[in-house]
Amino acid sequence: MVILGPLILGCLAGVALGGKLSNWSAISLRWPWVVIVAMLIRIAVAGTPLGNVDWLRYVYVASLVALIAWTLWNVDRLFGIWLVSIGSTINLIVIAANDFRMPVVQSAAGRLVEVGHHGQYTVMDSSTRLPWLADWVLVPGWLGGVFSPGDAVIGIGLGVVAFAVTRHSPASATKLDATKTRD
C-alpha cells in the first residue's frame, strides 16, 4: 500500500483537478525496465522461498542501489522523483547498517519472529542500528502492515509524481524543441 496507495491518490487528485490519465503514455523515461526488475527482485526475495537464500539479500541491495541511480538519472523527467531517491537512500542506509537487512519492529514481524530473518528483513532488537529508520510505523486495520520513514518519503514522492504526471499535460512540440539535442 505504501507504493500503490500514493500512486492512486496522486492520479485521482490530478484527474480531479483537470488532468488526464492519458498523460502517462507521453512520459519518456530512460531505461524504465530498471524499475520493473528492481520490483521483481524485491518481490522474489521477500515473498517467496528464495528469501531463504541468504546471499540474495545482497542482490536486493544492489537492485535498491540501481533504483536510486535510476531515479537520479530521471530526475529531470519526473517531477518529485527526487523524493523517491531520498526515501530509497534512507532505506539503503538502515539496511546497510544492519547486515544488509531491514529491521522490522517485533510487534509487526509475524512469522519473522520465529525465524529471525528472511530475505532482506530481520527482527528489530537491542542490537539494531538506526532503529528510527527501520520498519516500525504500524498501519492499522485492513491496510495492516508496517513501514519505515524511508517508505513514507517514497510514498509521498510517488504521490507527487503521479499527481504531476496526471495533472500536467505533455508539452506541445515547438520549433525551439527541434533545436534541442536528445539524450
N, C-alpha and C. Protein backbone atom coordinates (compact mmCIF):
# COMPACT_ATOMS: atom_id res chain seq x y z
N MET A 1 0.80 -1.20 0.00
CA MET A 1 0.00 0.00 0.00
C MET A 1 0.85 1.27 0.00
N VAL A 2 2.08 1.17 0.49
CA VAL A 2 2.94 2.35 0.53
C VAL A 2 3.28 2.79 -0.89
N ILE A 3 3.22 1.87 -1.83
CA ILE A 3 3.51 2.22 -3.22
C ILE A 3 2.22 2.50 -4.00
N LEU A 4 1.27 1.58 -3.93
CA LEU A 4 0.05 1.73 -4.72
C LEU A 4 -0.85 2.86 -4.22
N GLY A 5 -1.00 2.97 -2.92
CA GLY A 5 -1.88 4.00 -2.37
C GLY A 5 -1.54 5.40 -2.84
N PRO A 6 -0.30 5.85 -2.65
CA PRO A 6 0.06 7.19 -3.11
C PRO A 6 -0.06 7.37 -4.63
N LEU A 7 0.27 6.33 -5.38
CA LEU A 7 0.12 6.43 -6.84
C LEU A 7 -1.33 6.66 -7.22
N ILE A 8 -2.22 5.89 -6.61
CA ILE A 8 -3.65 6.02 -6.91
C ILE A 8 -4.17 7.38 -6.45
N LEU A 9 -3.82 7.78 -5.23
CA LEU A 9 -4.28 9.08 -4.73
C LEU A 9 -3.75 10.23 -5.58
N GLY A 10 -2.49 10.15 -5.98
CA GLY A 10 -1.91 11.20 -6.83
C GLY A 10 -2.63 11.30 -8.17
N CYS A 11 -2.92 10.13 -8.76
CA CYS A 11 -3.65 10.13 -10.04
C CYS A 11 -5.05 10.69 -9.87
N LEU A 12 -5.75 10.26 -8.81
CA LEU A 12 -7.11 10.75 -8.57
C LEU A 12 -7.13 12.26 -8.36
N ALA A 13 -6.17 12.76 -7.57
CA ALA A 13 -6.09 14.21 -7.34
C ALA A 13 -5.79 14.94 -8.65
N GLY A 14 -4.91 14.38 -9.46
CA GLY A 14 -4.60 15.00 -10.74
C GLY A 14 -5.79 15.06 -11.67
N VAL A 15 -6.56 13.97 -11.72
CA VAL A 15 -7.76 13.93 -12.56
C VAL A 15 -8.81 14.90 -12.01
N ALA A 16 -8.96 14.93 -10.69
CA ALA A 16 -9.94 15.83 -10.07
C ALA A 16 -9.66 17.29 -10.38
N LEU A 17 -8.40 17.61 -10.61
CA LEU A 17 -8.01 18.99 -10.92
C LEU A 17 -7.81 19.21 -12.41
N GLY A 18 -8.41 18.35 -13.23
CA GLY A 18 -8.41 18.58 -14.67
C GLY A 18 -7.36 17.83 -15.46
N GLY A 19 -6.61 16.98 -14.81
CA GLY A 19 -5.58 16.21 -15.52
C GLY A 19 -6.16 15.02 -16.25
N LYS A 20 -5.29 14.29 -16.94
CA LYS A 20 -5.71 13.13 -17.72
C LYS A 20 -4.77 11.96 -17.44
N LEU A 21 -5.35 10.78 -17.29
CA LEU A 21 -4.54 9.57 -17.13
C LEU A 21 -3.73 9.27 -18.40
N SER A 22 -4.23 9.75 -19.53
CA SER A 22 -3.52 9.52 -20.80
C SER A 22 -2.16 10.21 -20.83
N ASN A 23 -1.92 11.16 -19.92
CA ASN A 23 -0.62 11.83 -19.87
C ASN A 23 0.51 10.83 -19.60
N TRP A 24 0.18 9.71 -18.93
CA TRP A 24 1.19 8.71 -18.60
C TRP A 24 1.82 8.11 -19.85
N SER A 25 1.06 8.05 -20.93
CA SER A 25 1.60 7.45 -22.16
C SER A 25 2.62 8.35 -22.85
N ALA A 26 2.67 9.62 -22.46
CA ALA A 26 3.59 10.56 -23.10
C ALA A 26 4.92 10.69 -22.35
N ILE A 27 5.07 9.97 -21.25
CA ILE A 27 6.32 10.07 -20.47
C ILE A 27 7.45 9.38 -21.23
N SER A 28 8.58 10.04 -21.30
CA SER A 28 9.76 9.46 -21.93
C SER A 28 10.82 9.27 -20.85
N LEU A 29 10.96 8.03 -20.39
CA LEU A 29 11.93 7.72 -19.34
C LEU A 29 13.11 6.95 -19.89
N ARG A 30 14.23 7.10 -19.24
CA ARG A 30 15.41 6.33 -19.60
C ARG A 30 15.34 4.98 -18.88
N TRP A 31 15.49 3.92 -19.59
CA TRP A 31 15.57 2.56 -19.07
C TRP A 31 14.50 2.24 -18.03
N PRO A 32 13.23 2.34 -18.38
CA PRO A 32 12.16 2.07 -17.40
C PRO A 32 12.15 0.64 -16.88
N TRP A 33 12.76 -0.27 -17.61
CA TRP A 33 12.81 -1.68 -17.17
C TRP A 33 13.59 -1.86 -15.87
N VAL A 34 14.45 -0.89 -15.52
CA VAL A 34 15.20 -0.98 -14.26
C VAL A 34 14.24 -1.03 -13.08
N VAL A 35 13.17 -0.25 -13.15
CA VAL A 35 12.18 -0.23 -12.07
C VAL A 35 11.48 -1.58 -11.98
N ILE A 36 11.11 -2.14 -13.11
CA ILE A 36 10.42 -3.43 -13.13
C ILE A 36 11.31 -4.52 -12.56
N VAL A 37 12.56 -4.57 -12.98
CA VAL A 37 13.49 -5.59 -12.48
C VAL A 37 13.70 -5.42 -10.98
N ALA A 38 13.88 -4.19 -10.50
CA ALA A 38 14.08 -3.94 -9.07
C ALA A 38 12.87 -4.40 -8.26
N MET A 39 11.66 -4.13 -8.76
CA MET A 39 10.46 -4.55 -8.04
C MET A 39 10.31 -6.08 -8.06
N LEU A 40 10.64 -6.71 -9.16
CA LEU A 40 10.57 -8.17 -9.23
C LEU A 40 11.56 -8.81 -8.26
N ILE A 41 12.74 -8.23 -8.15
CA ILE A 41 13.74 -8.75 -7.19
C ILE A 41 13.22 -8.60 -5.77
N ARG A 42 12.63 -7.46 -5.47
CA ARG A 42 12.09 -7.23 -4.12
C ARG A 42 11.02 -8.27 -3.79
N ILE A 43 10.10 -8.50 -4.73
CA ILE A 43 9.03 -9.47 -4.52
C ILE A 43 9.60 -10.87 -4.36
N ALA A 44 10.56 -11.23 -5.20
CA ALA A 44 11.14 -12.57 -5.16
C ALA A 44 11.88 -12.83 -3.85
N VAL A 45 12.64 -11.85 -3.39
CA VAL A 45 13.44 -12.05 -2.18
C VAL A 45 12.56 -12.01 -0.93
N ALA A 46 11.55 -11.17 -0.91
CA ALA A 46 10.73 -11.02 0.30
C ALA A 46 9.55 -11.99 0.34
N GLY A 47 8.98 -12.30 -0.80
CA GLY A 47 7.71 -13.01 -0.79
C GLY A 47 7.71 -14.43 -1.30
N THR A 48 8.87 -15.01 -1.50
CA THR A 48 8.94 -16.38 -2.00
C THR A 48 9.96 -17.17 -1.18
N PRO A 49 10.04 -18.46 -1.38
CA PRO A 49 11.07 -19.25 -0.69
C PRO A 49 12.50 -18.82 -1.04
N LEU A 50 12.67 -18.02 -2.10
CA LEU A 50 14.00 -17.51 -2.41
C LEU A 50 14.56 -16.66 -1.27
N GLY A 51 13.68 -16.15 -0.42
CA GLY A 51 14.11 -15.38 0.73
C GLY A 51 14.97 -16.18 1.70
N ASN A 52 14.93 -17.50 1.58
CA ASN A 52 15.77 -18.36 2.42
C ASN A 52 17.20 -18.45 1.92
N VAL A 53 17.45 -17.98 0.72
CA VAL A 53 18.81 -17.98 0.15
C VAL A 53 19.50 -16.71 0.64
N ASP A 54 20.41 -16.89 1.59
CA ASP A 54 20.98 -15.76 2.32
C ASP A 54 21.63 -14.70 1.43
N TRP A 55 22.38 -15.11 0.43
CA TRP A 55 23.12 -14.14 -0.37
C TRP A 55 22.22 -13.28 -1.27
N LEU A 56 20.95 -13.65 -1.42
CA LEU A 56 20.06 -12.86 -2.27
C LEU A 56 19.75 -11.49 -1.66
N ARG A 57 19.99 -11.33 -0.35
CA ARG A 57 19.79 -10.01 0.24
C ARG A 57 20.74 -9.00 -0.40
N TYR A 58 21.92 -9.46 -0.82
CA TYR A 58 22.87 -8.57 -1.49
C TYR A 58 22.38 -8.20 -2.89
N VAL A 59 21.70 -9.12 -3.54
CA VAL A 59 21.10 -8.83 -4.84
C VAL A 59 20.01 -7.77 -4.64
N TYR A 60 19.23 -7.92 -3.57
CA TYR A 60 18.21 -6.92 -3.26
C TYR A 60 18.85 -5.55 -3.06
N VAL A 61 19.92 -5.48 -2.28
CA VAL A 61 20.59 -4.20 -2.03
C VAL A 61 21.12 -3.62 -3.34
N ALA A 62 21.67 -4.46 -4.19
CA ALA A 62 22.17 -3.99 -5.50
C ALA A 62 21.01 -3.43 -6.33
N SER A 63 19.84 -4.07 -6.26
CA SER A 63 18.69 -3.56 -7.02
C SER A 63 18.21 -2.23 -6.44
N LEU A 64 18.33 -2.06 -5.12
CA LEU A 64 17.96 -0.79 -4.49
C LEU A 64 18.92 0.32 -4.93
N VAL A 65 20.20 0.01 -5.01
CA VAL A 65 21.18 0.99 -5.50
C VAL A 65 20.87 1.34 -6.96
N ALA A 66 20.54 0.34 -7.76
CA ALA A 66 20.19 0.60 -9.16
C ALA A 66 18.94 1.47 -9.26
N LEU A 67 17.96 1.24 -8.39
CA LEU A 67 16.74 2.04 -8.39
C LEU A 67 17.03 3.50 -8.00
N ILE A 68 17.90 3.68 -7.02
CA ILE A 68 18.29 5.04 -6.63
C ILE A 68 18.99 5.74 -7.80
N ALA A 69 19.90 5.04 -8.44
CA ALA A 69 20.60 5.61 -9.59
C ALA A 69 19.60 5.96 -10.70
N TRP A 70 18.63 5.08 -10.93
CA TRP A 70 17.63 5.34 -11.97
C TRP A 70 16.82 6.58 -11.65
N THR A 71 16.38 6.72 -10.40
CA THR A 71 15.58 7.90 -10.05
C THR A 71 16.39 9.18 -10.23
N LEU A 72 17.65 9.13 -9.87
CA LEU A 72 18.50 10.32 -10.05
C LEU A 72 18.72 10.62 -11.52
N TRP A 73 18.83 9.59 -12.34
CA TRP A 73 19.04 9.76 -13.77
C TRP A 73 17.80 10.35 -14.44
N ASN A 74 16.63 10.08 -13.88
CA ASN A 74 15.38 10.56 -14.46
C ASN A 74 14.78 11.74 -13.71
N VAL A 75 15.57 12.37 -12.84
CA VAL A 75 15.05 13.47 -12.03
C VAL A 75 14.58 14.65 -12.89
N ASP A 76 15.15 14.81 -14.06
CA ASP A 76 14.73 15.90 -14.95
C ASP A 76 13.48 15.55 -15.76
N ARG A 77 13.01 14.32 -15.67
CA ARG A 77 11.86 13.89 -16.46
C ARG A 77 10.60 13.64 -15.62
N LEU A 78 10.77 13.46 -14.32
CA LEU A 78 9.64 13.18 -13.45
C LEU A 78 9.68 14.12 -12.24
N PHE A 79 8.80 15.08 -12.20
CA PHE A 79 8.75 16.00 -11.08
C PHE A 79 8.45 15.20 -9.80
N GLY A 80 9.26 15.38 -8.78
CA GLY A 80 9.05 14.73 -7.49
C GLY A 80 9.80 13.42 -7.31
N ILE A 81 10.41 12.90 -8.36
CA ILE A 81 11.09 11.61 -8.24
C ILE A 81 12.28 11.69 -7.29
N TRP A 82 12.79 12.90 -7.06
CA TRP A 82 13.90 13.08 -6.12
C TRP A 82 13.48 12.66 -4.71
N LEU A 83 12.19 12.77 -4.38
CA LEU A 83 11.73 12.29 -3.08
C LEU A 83 11.86 10.78 -2.97
N VAL A 84 11.61 10.08 -4.07
CA VAL A 84 11.78 8.63 -4.09
C VAL A 84 13.26 8.29 -3.89
N SER A 85 14.14 9.09 -4.48
CA SER A 85 15.59 8.89 -4.29
C SER A 85 15.96 9.04 -2.82
N ILE A 86 15.44 10.07 -2.17
CA ILE A 86 15.76 10.31 -0.76
C ILE A 86 15.24 9.17 0.11
N GLY A 87 13.98 8.79 -0.08
CA GLY A 87 13.41 7.71 0.72
C GLY A 87 14.13 6.39 0.52
N SER A 88 14.49 6.09 -0.71
CA SER A 88 15.23 4.86 -1.00
C SER A 88 16.62 4.89 -0.39
N THR A 89 17.24 6.05 -0.39
CA THR A 89 18.56 6.20 0.22
C THR A 89 18.48 6.01 1.74
N ILE A 90 17.43 6.55 2.36
CA ILE A 90 17.23 6.33 3.80
C ILE A 90 17.12 4.84 4.08
N ASN A 91 16.32 4.13 3.28
CA ASN A 91 16.19 2.68 3.46
C ASN A 91 17.52 1.97 3.25
N LEU A 92 18.26 2.38 2.24
CA LEU A 92 19.56 1.76 1.98
C LEU A 92 20.51 1.95 3.16
N ILE A 93 20.49 3.12 3.77
CA ILE A 93 21.37 3.39 4.92
C ILE A 93 21.05 2.45 6.07
N VAL A 94 19.77 2.32 6.42
CA VAL A 94 19.42 1.45 7.55
C VAL A 94 19.68 -0.02 7.22
N ILE A 95 19.45 -0.42 5.99
CA ILE A 95 19.72 -1.80 5.58
C ILE A 95 21.22 -2.08 5.66
N ALA A 96 22.04 -1.19 5.13
CA ALA A 96 23.49 -1.38 5.16
C ALA A 96 24.02 -1.40 6.59
N ALA A 97 23.42 -0.62 7.47
CA ALA A 97 23.88 -0.56 8.86
C ALA A 97 23.50 -1.80 9.66
N ASN A 98 22.59 -2.61 9.12
CA ASN A 98 22.10 -3.78 9.84
C ASN A 98 22.33 -5.07 9.06
N ASP A 99 23.58 -5.27 8.66
CA ASP A 99 23.98 -6.50 7.97
C ASP A 99 23.15 -6.75 6.71
N PHE A 100 22.84 -5.68 6.00
CA PHE A 100 22.11 -5.73 4.74
C PHE A 100 20.73 -6.36 4.87
N ARG A 101 20.07 -6.04 6.00
CA ARG A 101 18.69 -6.45 6.22
C ARG A 101 17.91 -5.28 6.83
N MET A 102 16.65 -5.14 6.46
CA MET A 102 15.79 -4.11 7.02
C MET A 102 15.18 -4.63 8.32
N PRO A 103 15.47 -3.97 9.45
CA PRO A 103 14.87 -4.39 10.71
C PRO A 103 13.37 -4.07 10.74
N VAL A 104 12.60 -4.99 11.31
CA VAL A 104 11.16 -4.84 11.44
C VAL A 104 10.81 -4.92 12.91
N VAL A 105 9.99 -3.98 13.41
CA VAL A 105 9.58 -3.98 14.80
C VAL A 105 8.90 -5.32 15.13
N GLN A 106 9.22 -5.86 16.28
CA GLN A 106 8.77 -7.20 16.65
C GLN A 106 7.26 -7.35 16.63
N SER A 107 6.52 -6.33 17.04
CA SER A 107 5.06 -6.43 17.10
C SER A 107 4.41 -6.57 15.72
N ALA A 108 5.16 -6.28 14.67
CA ALA A 108 4.63 -6.41 13.31
C ALA A 108 5.39 -7.45 12.49
N ALA A 109 6.30 -8.16 13.13
CA ALA A 109 7.18 -9.08 12.39
C ALA A 109 6.53 -10.42 12.09
N GLY A 110 5.44 -10.77 12.76
CA GLY A 110 4.75 -12.02 12.47
C GLY A 110 5.67 -13.23 12.56
N ARG A 111 5.65 -14.05 11.51
CA ARG A 111 6.45 -15.28 11.45
C ARG A 111 7.95 -15.00 11.52
N LEU A 112 8.34 -13.80 11.15
CA LEU A 112 9.75 -13.41 11.17
C LEU A 112 10.33 -13.55 12.58
N VAL A 113 9.50 -13.38 13.61
CA VAL A 113 9.96 -13.52 15.00
C VAL A 113 10.49 -14.94 15.23
N GLU A 114 9.85 -15.92 14.63
CA GLU A 114 10.25 -17.32 14.81
C GLU A 114 11.55 -17.65 14.09
N VAL A 115 11.73 -17.09 12.89
CA VAL A 115 12.89 -17.46 12.07
C VAL A 115 14.06 -16.48 12.20
N GLY A 116 13.82 -15.28 12.72
CA GLY A 116 14.89 -14.30 12.91
C GLY A 116 15.12 -13.40 11.73
N HIS A 117 15.19 -13.97 10.55
CA HIS A 117 15.33 -13.17 9.34
C HIS A 117 14.85 -13.96 8.13
N HIS A 118 14.46 -13.23 7.12
CA HIS A 118 14.02 -13.83 5.85
C HIS A 118 14.26 -12.79 4.77
N GLY A 119 14.97 -13.19 3.74
CA GLY A 119 15.27 -12.26 2.65
C GLY A 119 15.99 -11.04 3.18
N GLN A 120 15.44 -9.87 2.87
CA GLN A 120 16.08 -8.63 3.28
C GLN A 120 15.54 -8.12 4.62
N TYR A 121 14.78 -8.93 5.34
CA TYR A 121 14.19 -8.49 6.61
C TYR A 121 14.76 -9.25 7.80
N THR A 122 14.82 -8.55 8.94
CA THR A 122 15.23 -9.14 10.21
C THR A 122 14.41 -8.51 11.33
N VAL A 123 14.32 -9.21 12.45
CA VAL A 123 13.56 -8.69 13.58
C VAL A 123 14.38 -7.64 14.31
N MET A 124 13.76 -6.52 14.64
CA MET A 124 14.43 -5.46 15.38
C MET A 124 14.67 -5.93 16.82
N ASP A 125 15.89 -5.67 17.33
CA ASP A 125 16.21 -5.98 18.72
C ASP A 125 17.14 -4.91 19.26
N SER A 126 17.73 -5.16 20.43
CA SER A 126 18.58 -4.14 21.06
C SER A 126 19.85 -3.86 20.28
N SER A 127 20.25 -4.75 19.38
CA SER A 127 21.47 -4.52 18.59
C SER A 127 21.20 -3.78 17.28
N THR A 128 19.95 -3.48 17.00
CA THR A 128 19.58 -2.81 15.75
C THR A 128 20.17 -1.40 15.70
N ARG A 129 20.83 -1.12 14.60
CA ARG A 129 21.39 0.21 14.38
C ARG A 129 20.37 1.07 13.64
N LEU A 130 20.29 2.33 14.01
CA LEU A 130 19.37 3.29 13.39
C LEU A 130 17.91 2.80 13.43
N PRO A 131 17.43 2.36 14.58
CA PRO A 131 16.08 1.78 14.64
C PRO A 131 14.98 2.75 14.22
N TRP A 132 15.19 4.05 14.37
CA TRP A 132 14.18 5.03 13.98
C TRP A 132 14.00 5.10 12.47
N LEU A 133 14.93 4.51 11.71
CA LEU A 133 14.81 4.47 10.26
C LEU A 133 14.28 3.13 9.75
N ALA A 134 14.09 2.17 10.66
CA ALA A 134 13.66 0.82 10.29
C ALA A 134 12.14 0.78 10.06
N ASP A 135 11.62 -0.41 9.79
CA ASP A 135 10.18 -0.62 9.64
C ASP A 135 9.55 -0.68 11.02
N TRP A 136 8.98 0.42 11.48
CA TRP A 136 8.37 0.46 12.80
C TRP A 136 7.02 1.18 12.82
N VAL A 137 6.66 1.85 11.74
CA VAL A 137 5.40 2.58 11.68
C VAL A 137 4.29 1.59 11.35
N LEU A 138 3.39 1.35 12.31
CA LEU A 138 2.32 0.38 12.14
C LEU A 138 1.14 0.99 11.41
N VAL A 139 0.57 0.22 10.48
CA VAL A 139 -0.61 0.63 9.75
C VAL A 139 -1.77 -0.23 10.26
N PRO A 140 -2.78 0.39 10.87
CA PRO A 140 -3.87 -0.39 11.46
C PRO A 140 -4.90 -0.84 10.43
N GLY A 141 -5.78 -1.72 10.89
CA GLY A 141 -6.94 -2.12 10.11
C GLY A 141 -6.62 -2.97 8.90
N TRP A 142 -7.50 -2.88 7.91
CA TRP A 142 -7.39 -3.74 6.73
C TRP A 142 -6.16 -3.43 5.90
N LEU A 143 -5.61 -2.23 6.06
CA LEU A 143 -4.38 -1.90 5.34
C LEU A 143 -3.22 -2.65 5.95
N GLY A 144 -3.29 -2.90 7.24
CA GLY A 144 -2.31 -3.65 8.02
C GLY A 144 -0.92 -3.74 7.45
N GLY A 145 0.04 -3.64 8.28
CA GLY A 145 1.42 -3.76 7.87
C GLY A 145 2.30 -2.80 8.64
N VAL A 146 3.46 -2.64 8.15
CA VAL A 146 4.45 -1.80 8.79
C VAL A 146 5.30 -1.15 7.71
N PHE A 147 5.75 0.07 7.96
CA PHE A 147 6.64 0.70 7.00
C PHE A 147 7.64 1.57 7.74
N SER A 148 8.63 2.02 7.01
CA SER A 148 9.72 2.83 7.57
C SER A 148 9.53 4.29 7.19
N PRO A 149 10.24 5.19 7.87
CA PRO A 149 10.22 6.59 7.45
C PRO A 149 10.66 6.76 5.98
N GLY A 150 11.64 5.95 5.56
CA GLY A 150 12.07 5.99 4.15
C GLY A 150 10.94 5.60 3.22
N ASP A 151 10.15 4.58 3.62
CA ASP A 151 8.99 4.18 2.82
C ASP A 151 7.98 5.32 2.73
N ALA A 152 7.81 6.06 3.84
CA ALA A 152 6.88 7.19 3.85
C ALA A 152 7.32 8.25 2.85
N VAL A 153 8.62 8.55 2.82
CA VAL A 153 9.14 9.54 1.87
C VAL A 153 8.96 9.03 0.44
N ILE A 154 9.20 7.74 0.22
CA ILE A 154 8.98 7.15 -1.10
C ILE A 154 7.51 7.30 -1.50
N GLY A 155 6.61 7.00 -0.56
CA GLY A 155 5.18 7.12 -0.85
C GLY A 155 4.79 8.54 -1.21
N ILE A 156 5.28 9.51 -0.45
CA ILE A 156 5.00 10.92 -0.76
C ILE A 156 5.54 11.26 -2.15
N GLY A 157 6.75 10.81 -2.43
CA GLY A 157 7.34 11.07 -3.75
C GLY A 157 6.53 10.47 -4.88
N LEU A 158 6.07 9.23 -4.69
CA LEU A 158 5.26 8.59 -5.73
C LEU A 158 3.93 9.31 -5.93
N GLY A 159 3.35 9.80 -4.83
CA GLY A 159 2.12 10.57 -4.95
C GLY A 159 2.34 11.86 -5.72
N VAL A 160 3.45 12.54 -5.42
CA VAL A 160 3.78 13.78 -6.12
C VAL A 160 4.01 13.50 -7.61
N VAL A 161 4.75 12.44 -7.91
CA VAL A 161 5.00 12.07 -9.31
C VAL A 161 3.68 11.78 -10.02
N ALA A 162 2.83 10.97 -9.39
CA ALA A 162 1.55 10.60 -10.01
C ALA A 162 0.69 11.83 -10.25
N PHE A 163 0.63 12.73 -9.27
CA PHE A 163 -0.15 13.95 -9.44
C PHE A 163 0.41 14.80 -10.58
N ALA A 164 1.73 14.99 -10.56
CA ALA A 164 2.36 15.85 -11.57
C ALA A 164 2.17 15.31 -12.97
N VAL A 165 2.34 14.01 -13.14
CA VAL A 165 2.18 13.42 -14.47
C VAL A 165 0.74 13.53 -14.93
N THR A 166 -0.20 13.21 -14.04
CA THR A 166 -1.61 13.21 -14.40
C THR A 166 -2.14 14.63 -14.63
N ARG A 167 -1.72 15.54 -13.81
CA ARG A 167 -2.25 16.92 -13.85
C ARG A 167 -1.71 17.73 -15.02
N HIS A 168 -0.45 17.61 -15.30
CA HIS A 168 0.18 18.46 -16.31
C HIS A 168 0.19 17.78 -17.66
N SER A 169 -0.31 18.51 -18.63
CA SER A 169 -0.31 17.98 -19.99
C SER A 169 1.11 17.99 -20.54
N PRO A 170 1.43 17.00 -21.38
CA PRO A 170 2.75 17.00 -22.00
C PRO A 170 2.95 18.27 -22.81
N ALA A 171 4.15 18.77 -22.78
CA ALA A 171 4.45 19.99 -23.53
C ALA A 171 4.26 19.73 -25.01
N SER A 172 3.63 20.66 -25.68
CA SER A 172 3.45 20.52 -27.12
C SER A 172 4.76 20.89 -27.81
N ALA A 173 5.00 20.25 -28.91
CA ALA A 173 6.23 20.49 -29.65
C ALA A 173 6.23 21.89 -30.24
N THR A 174 7.38 22.53 -30.18
CA THR A 174 7.55 23.85 -30.77
C THR A 174 8.77 23.81 -31.69
N LYS A 175 8.95 24.88 -32.43
CA LYS A 175 10.12 24.95 -33.30
C LYS A 175 11.41 24.95 -32.46
N LEU A 176 11.33 25.51 -31.28
CA LEU A 176 12.51 25.53 -30.40
C LEU A 176 12.90 24.12 -29.97
N ASP A 177 11.90 23.23 -29.79
CA ASP A 177 12.20 21.85 -29.40
C ASP A 177 13.07 21.14 -30.44
N ALA A 178 12.90 21.50 -31.68
CA ALA A 178 13.67 20.86 -32.74
C ALA A 178 15.16 21.18 -32.64
N THR A 179 15.51 22.23 -31.91
CA THR A 179 16.93 22.58 -31.78
C THR A 179 17.60 21.88 -30.62
N LYS A 180 16.82 21.25 -29.75
CA LYS A 180 17.39 20.55 -28.59
C LYS A 180 18.05 19.26 -29.01
N THR A 181 19.12 18.93 -28.31
CA THR A 181 19.76 17.64 -28.57
C THR A 181 19.11 16.60 -27.68
N ARG A 182 18.98 15.41 -28.15
CA ARG A 182 18.36 14.31 -27.40
C ARG A 182 19.43 13.52 -26.68
N ASP A 183 19.02 12.89 -25.54
CA ASP A 183 19.94 12.05 -24.76
C ASP A 183 20.25 10.78 -25.47
